[in-house]
Amino acid sequence: MKKLMAEFIGTFWLVLGGCGSAVLAAGFPDVGIGLLGVSLAFGLTVLTVAYSLGHISGAHLNPAVSIGLWAGGRFNAKELPGYIGSQVLGGIAAACVLYVIATGNGSSVGDFAANGYGDHSPGGYSMTSALVTEVVMTFMFLLIILGATDKRAPAGFAGIAIGLGLTLIHLISIPVTNTSVNPARSTSQAIFAGDWALGQLWLFWVAPIVGALLAGFVYKMFEKE
């Protein structure tokens, strides 16, 4: 139960901090933080949770991460349903809080930092571009996680590598999909963004999971003596 609570709280913080920065601060008049600020916000949420709750649950905060760790032989399949459920619920709870805050000045939520492609991609990128981006970015994210947490890696620095890795991923891919690499993050925002976001949500489950599975299987080769 402690692990599931840690995953709930950690994913809550990831969505509130990352998506909250996008919804509330990215375009704030004159002093908005922009894409760089949003990218840093996502990285900082992971960095802070990794060191505060990582020793409890591993700080997955992401169904794709849990699945990728299972594929890499680092996580028990029996724990997947509980972890994924806690992550999705934590993300939805954060989206509820963010909705209350964002509408507090009479504004509409707009796209609510939801992930999308085609007309709902920030840069108008196609479904194919979005699919390739999410698979590749999640693949690299899981390689970073698996490598940084390898017993042969320098101890104590995994959270920094993972947080900065997520920052870099956002710097690359926000213009394409608003950056998911995390089905829980995508689900929580889609619920409030409207029918278009729910209709495109399938991609932001399928692509991250495919990328994570590929990374898990590939990293197993690096672990062989």
C-alpha atoms as a PDB file:
ATOM      1  CA  MET A   1       0.000   0.000   0.000  1.00  0.00           C
ATOM      2  CA  LYS A   2       2.884   2.395   0.739  1.00  0.00           C
ATOM      3  CA  LYS A   3       4.255   1.852  -2.751  1.00  0.00           C
ATOM      4  CA  LEU A   4       0.898   2.553  -4.375  1.00  0.00           C
ATOM      5  CA  MET A   5       0.398   5.702  -2.319  1.00  0.00           C
ATOM      6  CA  ALA A   6       3.868   6.894  -3.302  1.00  0.00           C
ATOM      7  CA  GLU A   7       3.071   6.300  -6.970  1.00  0.00           C
ATOM      8  CA  PHE A   8      -0.233   8.164  -6.601  1.00  0.00           C
ATOM      9  CA  ILE A   9       1.411  11.177  -4.955  1.00  0.00           C
ATOM     10  CA  GLY A  10       4.397  11.149  -7.287  1.00  0.00           C
ATOM     11  CA  THR A  11       2.266  11.073 -10.430  1.00  0.00           C
ATOM     12  CA  PHE A  12       0.023  13.743  -8.922  1.00  0.00           C
ATOM     13  CA  TRP A  13       3.075  15.984  -8.578  1.00  0.00           C
ATOM     14  CA  LEU A  14       4.310  15.173 -12.079  1.00  0.00           C
ATOM     15  CA  VAL A  15       1.007  16.182 -13.682  1.00  0.00           C
ATOM     16  CA  LEU A  16       0.380  19.177 -11.447  1.00  0.00           C
ATOM     17  CA  GLY A  17       3.919  20.494 -11.833  1.00  0.00           C
ATOM     18  CA  GLY A  18       4.442  19.727 -15.505  1.00  0.00           C
ATOM     19  CA  CYS A  19       0.992  20.302 -16.958  1.00  0.00           C
ATOM     20  CA  GLY A  20       0.344  23.075 -14.450  1.00  0.00           C
ATOM     21  CA  SER A  21       3.351  24.993 -15.743  1.00  0.00           C
ATOM     22  CA  ALA A  22       2.064  24.554 -19.306  1.00  0.00           C
ATOM     23  CA  VAL A  23      -1.490  25.626 -18.520  1.00  0.00           C
ATOM     24  CA  LEU A  24      -0.785  28.437 -16.048  1.00  0.00           C
ATOM     25  CA  ALA A  25       2.677  29.801 -16.766  1.00  0.00           C
ATOM     26  CA  ALA A  26       3.879  28.970 -20.292  1.00  0.00           C
ATOM     27  CA  GLY A  27       2.177  31.889 -21.998  1.00  0.00           C
ATOM     28  CA  PHE A  28       1.670  34.212 -19.048  1.00  0.00           C
ATOM     29  CA  PRO A  29       1.740  37.815 -20.345  1.00  0.00           C
ATOM     30  CA  ASP A  30       5.261  39.267 -20.637  1.00  0.00           C
ATOM     31  CA  VAL A  31       6.912  36.831 -18.200  1.00  0.00           C
ATOM     32  CA  GLY A  32       5.750  33.422 -19.435  1.00  0.00           C
ATOM     33  CA  ILE A  33       8.181  30.553 -18.997  1.00  0.00           C
ATOM     34  CA  GLY A  34       7.744  29.222 -22.542  1.00  0.00           C
ATOM     35  CA  LEU A  35       8.677  25.766 -23.827  1.00  0.00           C
ATOM     36  CA  LEU A  36      12.006  25.784 -22.013  1.00  0.00           C
ATOM     37  CA  GLY A  37      10.310  26.452 -18.694  1.00  0.00           C
ATOM     38  CA  VAL A  38       7.699  23.748 -19.226  1.00  0.00           C
ATOM     39  CA  SER A  39      10.419  21.262 -20.171  1.00  0.00           C
ATOM     40  CA  LEU A  40      12.340  22.077 -17.019  1.00  0.00           C
ATOM     41  CA  ALA A  41       9.181  21.798 -14.926  1.00  0.00           C
ATOM     42  CA  PHE A  42       8.552  18.221 -16.074  1.00  0.00           C
ATOM     43  CA  GLY A  43      12.172  17.306 -15.415  1.00  0.00           C
ATOM     44  CA  LEU A  44      12.115  18.899 -11.976  1.00  0.00           C
ATOM     45  CA  THR A  45       9.003  16.999 -10.917  1.00  0.00           C
ATOM     46  CA  VAL A  46      10.698  13.694 -11.698  1.00  0.00           C
ATOM     47  CA  LEU A  47      13.952  14.805 -10.093  1.00  0.00           C
ATOM     48  CA  THR A  48      12.259  15.858  -6.846  1.00  0.00           C
ATOM     49  CA  VAL A  49      10.081  12.752  -6.585  1.00  0.00           C
ATOM     50  CA  ALA A  50      12.989  10.446  -7.399  1.00  0.00           C
ATOM     51  CA  TYR A  51      14.840  11.646  -4.314  1.00  0.00           C
ATOM     52  CA  SER A  52      11.831  12.031  -2.030  1.00  0.00           C
ATOM     53  CA  LEU A  53       9.741   8.942  -2.838  1.00  0.00           C
ATOM     54  CA  GLY A  54      12.002   6.822  -5.006  1.00  0.00           C
ATOM     55  CA  HIS A  55      13.193   4.755  -2.069  1.00  0.00           C
ATOM     56  CA  ILE A  56       9.574   3.770  -1.382  1.00  0.00           C
ATOM     57  CA  SER A  57       8.185   2.802  -4.776  1.00  0.00           C
ATOM     58  CA  GLY A  58      10.970   3.390  -7.272  1.00  0.00           C
ATOM     59  CA  ALA A  59       9.215   6.556  -8.511  1.00  0.00           C
ATOM     60  CA  HIS A  60       7.934   5.135 -11.775  1.00  0.00           C
ATOM     61  CA  LEU A  61       5.146   7.753 -12.102  1.00  0.00           C
ATOM     62  CA  ASN A  62       4.305   6.380 -15.530  1.00  0.00           C
ATOM     63  CA  PRO A  63       2.656   3.164 -16.789  1.00  0.00           C
ATOM     64  CA  ALA A  64       5.167   2.963 -19.643  1.00  0.00           C
ATOM     65  CA  VAL A  65       8.052   3.097 -17.165  1.00  0.00           C
ATOM     66  CA  SER A  66       6.576   0.288 -15.073  1.00  0.00           C
ATOM     67  CA  ILE A  67       6.031  -1.824 -18.186  1.00  0.00           C
ATOM     68  CA  GLY A  68       9.508  -1.050 -19.500  1.00  0.00           C
ATOM     69  CA  LEU A  69      11.088  -2.012 -16.190  1.00  0.00           C
ATOM     70  CA  TRP A  70       9.148  -5.268 -16.280  1.00  0.00           C
ATOM     71  CA  ALA A  71      10.401  -5.930 -19.828  1.00  0.00           C
ATOM     72  CA  GLY A  72      13.921  -5.231 -18.611  1.00  0.00           C
ATOM     73  CA  GLY A  73      13.585  -7.724 -15.790  1.00  0.00           C
ATOM     74  CA  ARG A  74      13.522  -5.095 -13.060  1.00  0.00           C
ATOM     75  CA  PHE A  75       9.873  -5.253 -11.981  1.00  0.00           C
ATOM     76  CA  ASN A  76       7.404  -7.949 -10.988  1.00  0.00           C
ATOM     77  CA  ALA A  77       4.449  -8.344 -13.366  1.00  0.00           C
ATOM     78  CA  LYS A  78       2.128  -8.945 -10.401  1.00  0.00           C
ATOM     79  CA  GLU A  79       2.646  -5.345  -9.304  1.00  0.00           C
ATOM     80  CA  LEU A  80       1.826  -3.787 -12.674  1.00  0.00           C
ATOM     81  CA  PRO A  81      -1.971  -3.416 -12.226  1.00  0.00           C
ATOM     82  CA  GLY A  82      -1.617  -1.675  -8.854  1.00  0.00           C
ATOM     83  CA  TYR A  83       1.129   0.644 -10.047  1.00  0.00           C
ATOM     84  CA  ILE A  84      -0.652   1.583 -13.279  1.00  0.00           C
ATOM     85  CA  GLY A  85      -3.942   2.166 -11.473  1.00  0.00           C
ATOM     86  CA  SER A  86      -2.272   4.388  -8.866  1.00  0.00           C
ATOM     87  CA  GLN A  87      -0.460   6.377 -11.545  1.00  0.00           C
ATOM     88  CA  VAL A  88      -3.600   7.006 -13.587  1.00  0.00           C
ATOM     89  CA  LEU A  89      -5.612   7.994 -10.506  1.00  0.00           C
ATOM     90  CA  GLY A  90      -2.828  10.296  -9.300  1.00  0.00           C
ATOM     91  CA  GLY A  91      -2.750  12.010 -12.673  1.00  0.00           C
ATOM     92  CA  ILE A  92      -6.528  12.463 -12.738  1.00  0.00           C
ATOM     93  CA  ALA A  93      -6.508  13.896  -9.198  1.00  0.00           C
ATOM     94  CA  ALA A  94      -3.878  16.436 -10.269  1.00  0.00           C
ATOM     95  CA  ALA A  95      -5.883  17.355 -13.364  1.00  0.00           C
ATOM     96  CA  CYS A  96      -8.930  17.984 -11.157  1.00  0.00           C
ATOM     97  CA  VAL A  97      -6.914  20.336  -8.942  1.00  0.00           C
ATOM     98  CA  LEU A  98      -5.417  22.061 -11.984  1.00  0.00           C
ATOM     99  CA  TYR A  99      -8.873  22.506 -13.516  1.00  0.00           C
ATOM    100  CA  VAL A 100     -10.131  24.263 -10.376  1.00  0.00           C
ATOM    101  CA  ILE A 101      -7.083  26.555 -10.346  1.00  0.00           C
ATOM    102  CA  ALA A 102      -7.080  27.281 -14.086  1.00  0.00           C
ATOM    103  CA  THR A 103     -10.748  28.278 -14.177  1.00  0.00           C
ATOM    104  CA  GLY A 104     -10.445  30.431 -11.059  1.00  0.00           C
ATOM    105  CA  ASN A 105     -10.104  33.663 -13.054  1.00  0.00           C
ATOM    106  CA  GLY A 106     -12.953  32.863 -15.419  1.00  0.00           C
ATOM    107  CA  SER A 107     -10.749  31.431 -18.151  1.00  0.00           C
ATOM    108  CA  SER A 108     -11.611  28.359 -20.173  1.00  0.00           C
ATOM    109  CA  VAL A 109      -9.159  25.462 -20.018  1.00  0.00           C
ATOM    110  CA  GLY A 110      -8.638  25.321 -23.779  1.00  0.00           C
ATOM    111  CA  ASP A 111      -6.585  22.279 -24.800  1.00  0.00           C
ATOM    112  CA  PHE A 112      -5.453  21.892 -21.160  1.00  0.00           C
ATOM    113  CA  ALA A 113      -1.934  20.801 -22.216  1.00  0.00           C
ATOM    114  CA  ALA A 114      -3.434  17.623 -23.674  1.00  0.00           C
ATOM    115  CA  ASN A 115      -1.446  15.544 -26.131  1.00  0.00           C
ATOM    116  CA  GLY A 116      -2.506  15.463 -29.758  1.00  0.00           C
ATOM    117  CA  TYR A 117      -1.603  15.141 -33.409  1.00  0.00           C
ATOM    118  CA  GLY A 118      -2.846  16.665 -36.659  1.00  0.00           C
ATOM    119  CA  ASP A 119      -4.886  19.764 -35.931  1.00  0.00           C
ATOM    120  CA  HIS A 120      -4.188  19.287 -32.218  1.00  0.00           C
ATOM    121  CA  SER A 121      -0.417  19.058 -32.524  1.00  0.00           C
ATOM    122  CA  PRO A 122       1.232  22.356 -31.483  1.00  0.00           C
ATOM    123  CA  GLY A 123       3.159  22.310 -34.770  1.00  0.00           C
ATOM    124  CA  GLY A 124       0.513  20.615 -36.889  1.00  0.00           C
ATOM    125  CA  TYR A 125       2.434  17.342 -37.117  1.00  0.00           C
ATOM    126  CA  SER A 126       0.791  14.221 -38.526  1.00  0.00           C
ATOM    127  CA  MET A 127      -0.277  11.071 -36.715  1.00  0.00           C
ATOM    128  CA  THR A 128       2.760   9.276 -38.156  1.00  0.00           C
ATOM    129  CA  SER A 129       5.113  11.952 -36.814  1.00  0.00           C
ATOM    130  CA  ALA A 130       3.435  11.757 -33.430  1.00  0.00           C
ATOM    131  CA  LEU A 131       3.632   7.956 -33.344  1.00  0.00           C
ATOM    132  CA  VAL A 132       7.324   7.873 -34.273  1.00  0.00           C
ATOM    133  CA  THR A 133       8.141  10.670 -31.826  1.00  0.00           C
ATOM    134  CA  GLU A 134       6.417   9.028 -28.875  1.00  0.00           C
ATOM    135  CA  VAL A 135       7.897   5.593 -29.546  1.00  0.00           C
ATOM    136  CA  VAL A 136      11.452   6.907 -29.935  1.00  0.00           C
ATOM    137  CA  MET A 137      11.298   9.368 -27.026  1.00  0.00           C
ATOM    138  CA  THR A 138       9.902   6.734 -24.665  1.00  0.00           C
ATOM    139  CA  PHE A 139      12.493   4.247 -25.877  1.00  0.00           C
ATOM    140  CA  MET A 140      15.291   6.666 -25.012  1.00  0.00           C
ATOM    141  CA  PHE A 141      13.656   7.608 -21.701  1.00  0.00           C
ATOM    142  CA  LEU A 142      13.567   3.975 -20.613  1.00  0.00           C
ATOM    143  CA  LEU A 143      17.150   3.403 -21.710  1.00  0.00           C
ATOM    144  CA  ILE A 144      18.160   6.350 -19.535  1.00  0.00           C
ATOM    145  CA  ILE A 145      16.186   4.962 -16.592  1.00  0.00           C
ATOM    146  CA  LEU A 146      17.490   1.421 -16.975  1.00  0.00           C
ATOM    147  CA  GLY A 147      21.060   2.611 -17.429  1.00  0.00           C
ATOM    148  CA  ALA A 148      21.032   5.155 -14.615  1.00  0.00           C
ATOM    149  CA  THR A 149      19.590   2.636 -12.160  1.00  0.00           C
ATOM    150  CA  ASP A 150      21.896  -0.202 -13.227  1.00  0.00           C
ATOM    151  CA  LYS A 151      23.922  -1.573 -10.331  1.00  0.00           C
ATOM    152  CA  ARG A 152      27.060  -0.783 -12.343  1.00  0.00           C
ATOM    153  CA  ALA A 153      26.158   2.911 -12.692  1.00  0.00           C
ATOM    154  CA  PRO A 154      27.467   5.556 -10.251  1.00  0.00           C
ATOM    155  CA  ALA A 155      25.286   5.482  -7.149  1.00  0.00           C
ATOM    156  CA  GLY A 156      23.123   8.428  -6.175  1.00  0.00           C
ATOM    157  CA  PHE A 157      22.892  10.158  -9.554  1.00  0.00           C
ATOM    158  CA  ALA A 158      20.009   8.315 -11.203  1.00  0.00           C
ATOM    159  CA  GLY A 159      17.417  10.968 -10.342  1.00  0.00           C
ATOM    160  CA  ILE A 160      19.508  13.696 -11.966  1.00  0.00           C
ATOM    161  CA  ALA A 161      20.020  11.737 -15.186  1.00  0.00           C
ATOM    162  CA  ILE A 162      16.357  10.777 -15.394  1.00  0.00           C
ATOM    163  CA  GLY A 163      15.085  14.282 -14.643  1.00  0.00           C
ATOM    164  CA  LEU A 164      17.398  15.899 -17.181  1.00  0.00           C
ATOM    165  CA  GLY A 165      16.537  13.178 -19.681  1.00  0.00           C
ATOM    166  CA  LEU A 166      12.841  14.011 -19.402  1.00  0.00           C
ATOM    167  CA  THR A 167      13.671  17.705 -19.781  1.00  0.00           C
ATOM    168  CA  LEU A 168      15.544  17.016 -23.019  1.00  0.00           C
ATOM    169  CA  ILE A 169      12.703  14.851 -24.314  1.00  0.00           C
ATOM    170  CA  HIS A 170      10.268  17.720 -23.776  1.00  0.00           C
ATOM    171  CA  LEU A 171      12.598  20.201 -25.463  1.00  0.00           C
ATOM    172  CA  ILE A 172      12.550  17.993 -28.554  1.00  0.00           C
ATOM    173  CA  SER A 173       8.952  16.873 -28.727  1.00  0.00           C
ATOM    174  CA  ILE A 174       6.604  19.498 -27.252  1.00  0.00           C
ATOM    175  CA  PRO A 175       6.094  21.011 -30.742  1.00  0.00           C
ATOM    176  CA  VAL A 176       5.065  17.599 -32.105  1.00  0.00           C
ATOM    177  CA  THR A 177       2.679  16.137 -29.520  1.00  0.00           C
ATOM    178  CA  ASN A 178       2.940  18.337 -26.415  1.00  0.00           C
ATOM    179  CA  THR A 179       5.080  15.412 -25.197  1.00  0.00           C
ATOM    180  CA  SER A 180       3.475  12.449 -23.539  1.00  0.00           C
ATOM    181  CA  VAL A 181       5.848   9.482 -23.038  1.00  0.00           C
ATOM    182  CA  ASN A 182       3.433   8.840 -20.176  1.00  0.00           C
ATOM    183  CA  PRO A 183      -0.079   7.401 -20.629  1.00  0.00           C
ATOM    184  CA  ALA A 184      -1.186   8.537 -17.158  1.00  0.00           C
ATOM    185  CA  ARG A 185      -0.272  12.152 -17.926  1.00  0.00           C
ATOM    186  CA  SER A 186      -2.111  11.940 -21.272  1.00  0.00           C
ATOM    187  CA  THR A 187      -5.231  10.374 -19.784  1.00  0.00           C
ATOM    188  CA  SER A 188      -5.602  12.917 -17.010  1.00  0.00           C
ATOM    189  CA  GLN A 189      -5.512  15.900 -19.372  1.00  0.00           C
ATOM    190  CA  ALA A 190      -7.637  14.285 -22.087  1.00  0.00           C
ATOM    191  CA  ILE A 191     -10.548  13.889 -19.680  1.00  0.00           C
ATOM    192  CA  PHE A 192     -10.815  17.671 -19.355  1.00  0.00           C
ATOM    193  CA  ALA A 193      -9.733  18.694 -22.877  1.00  0.00           C
ATOM    194  CA  GLY A 194     -12.724  17.226 -24.664  1.00  0.00           C
ATOM    195  CA  ASP A 195     -13.775  14.599 -27.181  1.00  0.00           C
ATOM    196  CA  TRP A 196     -10.888  15.224 -29.575  1.00  0.00           C
ATOM    197  CA  ALA A 197      -8.322  14.414 -26.861  1.00  0.00           C
ATOM    198  CA  LEU A 198     -10.113  11.244 -25.802  1.00  0.00           C
ATOM    199  CA  GLY A 199     -10.347  10.222 -29.451  1.00  0.00           C
ATOM    200  CA  GLN A 200      -6.584  10.558 -29.904  1.00  0.00           C
ATOM    201  CA  LEU A 201      -5.658   9.102 -26.507  1.00  0.00           C
ATOM    202  CA  TRP A 202      -5.051   5.623 -27.927  1.00  0.00           C
ATOM    203  CA  LEU A 203      -1.796   6.792 -29.526  1.00  0.00           C
ATOM    204  CA  PHE A 204      -0.470   8.066 -26.207  1.00  0.00           C
ATOM    205  CA  TRP A 205      -0.979   4.662 -24.647  1.00  0.00           C
ATOM    206  CA  VAL A 206       0.202   2.499 -27.543  1.00  0.00           C
ATOM    207  CA  ALA A 207       3.320   4.440 -28.580  1.00  0.00           C
ATOM    208  CA  PRO A 208       4.871   4.887 -25.094  1.00  0.00           C
ATOM    209  CA  ILE A 209       4.238   1.248 -24.211  1.00  0.00           C
ATOM    210  CA  VAL A 210       5.814   0.046 -27.480  1.00  0.00           C
ATOM    211  CA  GLY A 211       8.844   2.265 -26.921  1.00  0.00           C
ATOM    212  CA  ALA A 212       9.183   1.102 -23.326  1.00  0.00           C
ATOM    213  CA  LEU A 213       8.953  -2.577 -24.231  1.00  0.00           C
ATOM    214  CA  LEU A 214      11.605  -2.184 -26.931  1.00  0.00           C
ATOM    215  CA  ALA A 215      13.935  -0.434 -24.496  1.00  0.00           C
ATOM    216  CA  GLY A 216      13.443  -3.098 -21.845  1.00  0.00           C
ATOM    217  CA  PHE A 217      14.306  -5.895 -24.240  1.00  0.00           C
ATOM    218  CA  VAL A 218      17.273  -3.993 -25.711  1.00  0.00           C
ATOM    219  CA  TYR A 219      18.772  -3.165 -22.315  1.00  0.00           C
ATOM    220  CA  LYS A 220      18.734  -6.821 -21.350  1.00  0.00           C
ATOM    221  CA  MET A 221      21.466  -7.296 -23.958  1.00  0.00           C
ATOM    222  CA  PHE A 222      23.655  -4.706 -22.212  1.00  0.00           C
ATOM    223  CA  GLU A 223      23.280  -6.548 -18.911  1.00  0.00           C
ATOM    224  CA  LYS A 224      24.579  -9.839 -20.261  1.00  0.00           C
ATOM    225  CA  GLU A 225      28.120 -10.661 -19.268  1.00  0.00           C
END
